[in-house]
Amino acid sequence: RLTVRQNLYNGFATRADVAEQKNRHVSAKFNVLETKEITALDTLEAYLNVLRARELVALGMQNLKTHESYLNQISQRVNAGRGSMANQRQAEGRAALARAGLISFQGELRQAEADYLELVGNMPKGLKKDNTPFNLLPGSIDAALDRAMANHPAIHSAQHDIKAAHAAIQEARGALCCPRLDLEGDVGRNRNLDGVQGINNDIQVMLRATYNIYNGG
């Protein structure tokens, strides 16, 4: 026996399923773009942090040299009897504070370089100062929000997720609330069927409608 069945109508469940899968595919594509943008943003932030930390270290070294120079001059004046020991102690305290600040800046630089290495895979060497095209940035927070809502991959991904969910609802509703209509062709070739000797062949074509009236709640 050979049965051929072609579905003619199922409450548009198949069309809804196709729409759901298409939207899920597009959503996944925007998820990839979102990951790319997040990675690029993290890398840019690490790059700027390295430049900032290097500049702070340079300023800290300059500040320490300045305080050490002042301390040396004050010590010479004290040794010559033209300065007070209080001024020297105060200068020593300021130099120690500058030295502690430099050590802190150097620690921040090592952390920034480690973050850069983790993201990029190479130590930051020969980095140039950023040349930000500020003319391309939005003029206000509202303009930035409008641009983000119109272009950010996360927004587009969420929109297609919503469309996929609506399509899934339509698919479920079609299977539950609508009849199924199938065109069926059936060919049977039998011999000695049901206790009757001889050949018993049959051919039938039918339009079959089925309706689910109960599926256990």
Protein backbone atom coordinates (compact mmCIF):
# COMPACT_ATOMS: atom_id res chain seq x y z
CA ARG A 1 0.00 0.00 0.00
CA LEU A 2 1.26 3.45 -0.95
CA THR A 3 -0.21 6.65 0.49
CA VAL A 4 0.67 10.12 -0.75
CA ARG A 5 -0.43 13.12 1.28
CA GLN A 6 -0.20 16.82 0.45
CA ASN A 7 -1.19 19.35 3.07
CA LEU A 8 -3.39 22.13 1.70
CA TYR A 9 -4.19 24.05 4.87
CA ASN A 10 -3.08 23.87 8.50
CA GLY A 11 -4.10 27.23 9.90
CA PHE A 12 -1.01 28.83 8.33
CA ALA A 13 1.12 27.06 10.96
CA THR A 14 3.85 26.24 8.43
CA ARG A 15 4.06 29.83 7.23
CA ALA A 16 4.25 31.01 10.85
CA ASP A 17 7.00 28.48 11.57
CA VAL A 18 9.01 29.71 8.58
CA ALA A 19 8.59 33.31 9.78
CA GLU A 20 9.68 32.32 13.29
CA GLN A 21 12.86 30.62 12.07
CA LYS A 22 13.72 33.50 9.74
CA ASN A 23 13.41 36.01 12.58
CA ARG A 24 15.49 33.83 14.86
CA HIS A 25 18.17 33.66 12.17
CA VAL A 26 18.21 37.45 11.78
CA SER A 27 18.26 37.86 15.57
CA ALA A 28 21.30 35.58 15.80
CA LYS A 29 23.04 37.66 13.12
CA PHE A 30 22.49 40.84 15.12
CA ASN A 31 23.73 39.06 18.25
CA VAL A 32 27.01 38.45 16.43
CA LEU A 33 27.19 42.13 15.47
CA GLU A 34 26.47 43.11 19.07
CA THR A 35 29.32 40.90 20.29
CA LYS A 36 31.63 42.52 17.74
CA GLU A 37 30.68 46.01 18.92
CA ILE A 38 31.09 45.11 22.60
CA THR A 39 34.52 43.61 21.89
CA ALA A 40 35.54 46.69 19.89
CA LEU A 41 34.32 48.98 22.67
CA ASP A 42 36.21 47.02 25.35
CA THR A 43 39.37 47.10 23.22
CA LEU A 44 39.06 50.84 22.65
CA GLU A 45 38.55 51.41 26.36
CA ALA A 46 41.63 49.33 27.16
CA TYR A 47 43.64 51.30 24.56
CA LEU A 48 42.58 54.63 26.08
CA ASN A 49 43.29 53.37 29.61
CA VAL A 50 46.86 52.47 28.60
CA LEU A 51 47.42 55.94 27.13
CA ARG A 52 45.91 57.56 30.21
CA ALA A 53 48.00 55.44 32.59
CA ARG A 54 51.21 56.19 30.67
CA GLU A 55 50.51 59.90 30.82
CA LEU A 56 49.83 59.69 34.56
CA VAL A 57 53.11 57.83 35.09
CA ALA A 58 54.99 60.51 33.13
CA LEU A 59 53.33 63.25 35.19
CA GLY A 60 54.07 61.33 38.40
CA MET A 61 57.74 61.03 37.50
CA GLN A 62 57.92 64.72 36.67
CA ASN A 63 56.15 65.57 39.93
CA LEU A 64 58.56 63.38 41.93
CA LYS A 65 61.60 64.97 40.28
CA THR A 66 60.25 68.42 41.10
CA HIS A 67 59.72 67.55 44.78
CA GLU A 68 63.12 65.87 45.03
CA SER A 69 64.70 68.98 43.52
CA TYR A 70 62.91 71.17 46.08
CA LEU A 71 63.96 68.80 48.88
CA ASN A 72 67.58 68.94 47.76
CA GLN A 73 67.54 72.75 47.70
CA ILE A 74 65.88 72.97 51.12
CA SER A 75 68.35 70.44 52.56
CA GLN A 76 71.24 72.55 51.29
CA ARG A 77 69.74 75.64 52.93
CA VAL A 78 69.26 73.74 56.22
CA ASN A 79 72.83 72.44 56.11
CA ALA A 80 74.01 75.98 55.48
CA GLY A 81 72.03 77.20 58.46
CA ARG A 82 69.65 79.32 56.38
CA GLY A 83 66.57 77.08 56.59
CA SER A 84 64.47 75.39 59.24
CA MET A 85 64.28 71.66 59.87
CA ALA A 86 60.47 71.93 59.73
CA ASN A 87 60.63 73.01 56.09
CA GLN A 88 62.88 70.05 55.31
CA ARG A 89 60.51 67.60 57.02
CA GLN A 90 57.61 69.08 55.11
CA ALA A 91 59.50 68.75 51.82
CA GLU A 92 60.41 65.16 52.68
CA GLY A 93 56.74 64.38 53.30
CA ARG A 94 55.70 65.88 49.98
CA ALA A 95 58.42 63.93 48.16
CA ALA A 96 57.29 60.71 49.86
CA LEU A 97 53.70 61.45 48.83
CA ALA A 98 54.80 62.06 45.23
CA ARG A 99 56.76 58.79 45.28
CA ALA A 100 53.70 56.90 46.55
CA GLY A 101 51.57 58.51 43.84
CA LEU A 102 54.05 57.41 41.17
CA ILE A 103 53.99 53.82 42.47
CA SER A 104 50.18 53.89 42.34
CA PHE A 105 50.23 55.19 38.75
CA GLN A 106 52.72 52.49 37.75
CA GLY A 107 50.39 49.84 39.20
CA GLU A 108 47.48 51.27 37.22
CA LEU A 109 49.63 51.15 34.07
CA ARG A 110 50.50 47.48 34.60
CA GLN A 111 46.80 46.68 35.10
CA ALA A 112 45.83 48.61 31.97
CA GLU A 113 48.52 46.81 29.95
CA ALA A 114 47.31 43.44 31.28
CA ASP A 115 43.72 44.27 30.25
CA TYR A 116 44.95 45.28 26.80
CA LEU A 117 46.97 42.07 26.46
CA GLU A 118 43.93 39.98 27.41
CA LEU A 119 41.76 41.58 24.73
CA VAL A 120 44.26 42.08 21.90
CA GLY A 121 46.77 39.31 22.49
CA ASN A 122 49.81 41.59 22.30
CA MET A 123 51.42 44.02 24.68
CA PRO A 124 50.67 47.66 23.86
CA LYS A 125 53.72 48.96 22.05
CA GLY A 126 54.00 52.09 19.97
CA LEU A 127 50.45 53.26 20.68
CA LYS A 128 49.63 56.67 19.33
CA LYS A 129 47.35 59.15 20.98
CA ASP A 130 43.76 58.92 19.91
CA ASN A 131 42.38 61.27 17.29
CA THR A 132 38.69 61.15 18.10
CA PRO A 133 36.42 62.48 15.29
CA PHE A 134 34.20 64.46 17.65
CA ASN A 135 32.29 65.90 14.69
CA LEU A 136 30.82 62.42 14.09
CA LEU A 137 29.49 62.10 17.64
CA PRO A 138 25.85 62.97 18.42
CA GLY A 139 25.30 66.51 19.60
CA SER A 140 23.25 65.55 22.65
CA ILE A 141 22.22 62.62 24.81
CA ASP A 142 18.80 62.52 23.16
CA ALA A 143 20.41 62.36 19.71
CA ALA A 144 22.70 59.56 20.91
CA LEU A 145 19.71 57.61 22.25
CA ASP A 146 17.82 58.08 18.99
CA ARG A 147 20.80 56.82 17.00
CA ALA A 148 21.22 53.85 19.32
CA MET A 149 17.54 52.91 19.08
CA ALA A 150 17.73 53.09 15.29
CA ASN A 151 21.04 51.29 14.75
CA HIS A 152 22.21 49.27 17.75
CA PRO A 153 22.33 45.51 17.02
CA ALA A 154 20.88 44.65 20.44
CA ILE A 155 17.72 46.63 19.59
CA HIS A 156 17.35 44.92 16.22
CA SER A 157 17.97 41.52 17.81
CA ALA A 158 15.28 42.13 20.41
CA GLN A 159 12.84 43.32 17.74
CA HIS A 160 13.30 40.12 15.72
CA ASP A 161 13.00 38.04 18.89
CA ILE A 162 9.61 39.66 19.44
CA LYS A 163 8.58 38.91 15.86
CA ALA A 164 9.71 35.30 16.28
CA ALA A 165 7.63 35.02 19.46
CA HIS A 166 4.55 36.40 17.68
CA ALA A 167 5.07 33.91 14.84
CA ALA A 168 5.35 31.07 17.38
CA ILE A 169 2.03 32.18 18.89
CA GLN A 170 0.42 32.20 15.44
CA GLU A 171 1.82 28.74 14.73
CA ALA A 172 0.41 27.33 17.98
CA ARG A 173 -2.93 29.06 17.45
CA GLY A 174 -3.20 27.69 13.90
CA ALA A 175 -2.57 24.13 15.06
CA LEU A 176 -5.05 24.50 17.92
CA CYS A 177 -7.91 26.54 16.47
CA CYS A 178 -8.00 25.65 12.79
CA PRO A 179 -8.77 22.41 10.91
CA ARG A 180 -6.15 20.59 8.87
CA LEU A 181 -6.95 19.91 5.24
CA ASP A 182 -4.99 17.26 3.31
CA LEU A 183 -5.27 15.84 -0.20
CA GLU A 184 -4.58 12.09 -0.04
CA GLY A 185 -4.00 9.48 -2.72
CA ASP A 186 -4.02 5.83 -1.70
CA VAL A 187 -3.13 2.80 -3.80
CA GLY A 188 -3.41 -0.76 -2.44
CA ARG A 189 -2.31 -4.02 -4.03
CA ASN A 190 -3.51 -6.99 -1.96
CA ARG A 191 -3.86 -10.74 -2.29
CA ASN A 192 -5.87 -13.13 -0.14
CA LEU A 193 -7.12 -10.28 2.08
CA ASP A 194 -9.33 -10.97 5.13
CA GLY A 195 -9.82 -14.61 4.30
CA VAL A 196 -10.97 -13.95 0.72
CA GLN A 197 -8.80 -15.63 -1.91
CA GLY A 198 -7.68 -13.71 -4.94
CA ILE A 199 -6.45 -10.23 -5.83
CA ASN A 200 -7.99 -7.24 -4.09
CA ASN A 201 -6.71 -3.91 -5.43
CA ASP A 202 -8.05 -0.48 -4.66
CA ILE A 203 -7.35 3.15 -5.51
CA GLN A 204 -8.82 6.14 -3.74
CA VAL A 205 -8.37 9.89 -3.72
CA MET A 206 -9.85 11.95 -0.92
CA LEU A 207 -9.86 15.36 0.64
CA ARG A 208 -9.42 14.78 4.38
CA ALA A 209 -10.26 17.40 7.01
CA THR A 210 -9.22 16.83 10.63
CA TYR A 211 -9.95 19.01 13.62
CA ASN A 212 -8.43 18.67 17.06
CA ILE A 213 -11.26 19.21 19.54
CA TYR A 214 -9.35 18.09 22.64
CA ASN A 215 -5.65 17.70 23.43
CA GLY A 216 -5.68 17.11 27.17
CA GLY A 217 -5.88 20.78 28.12
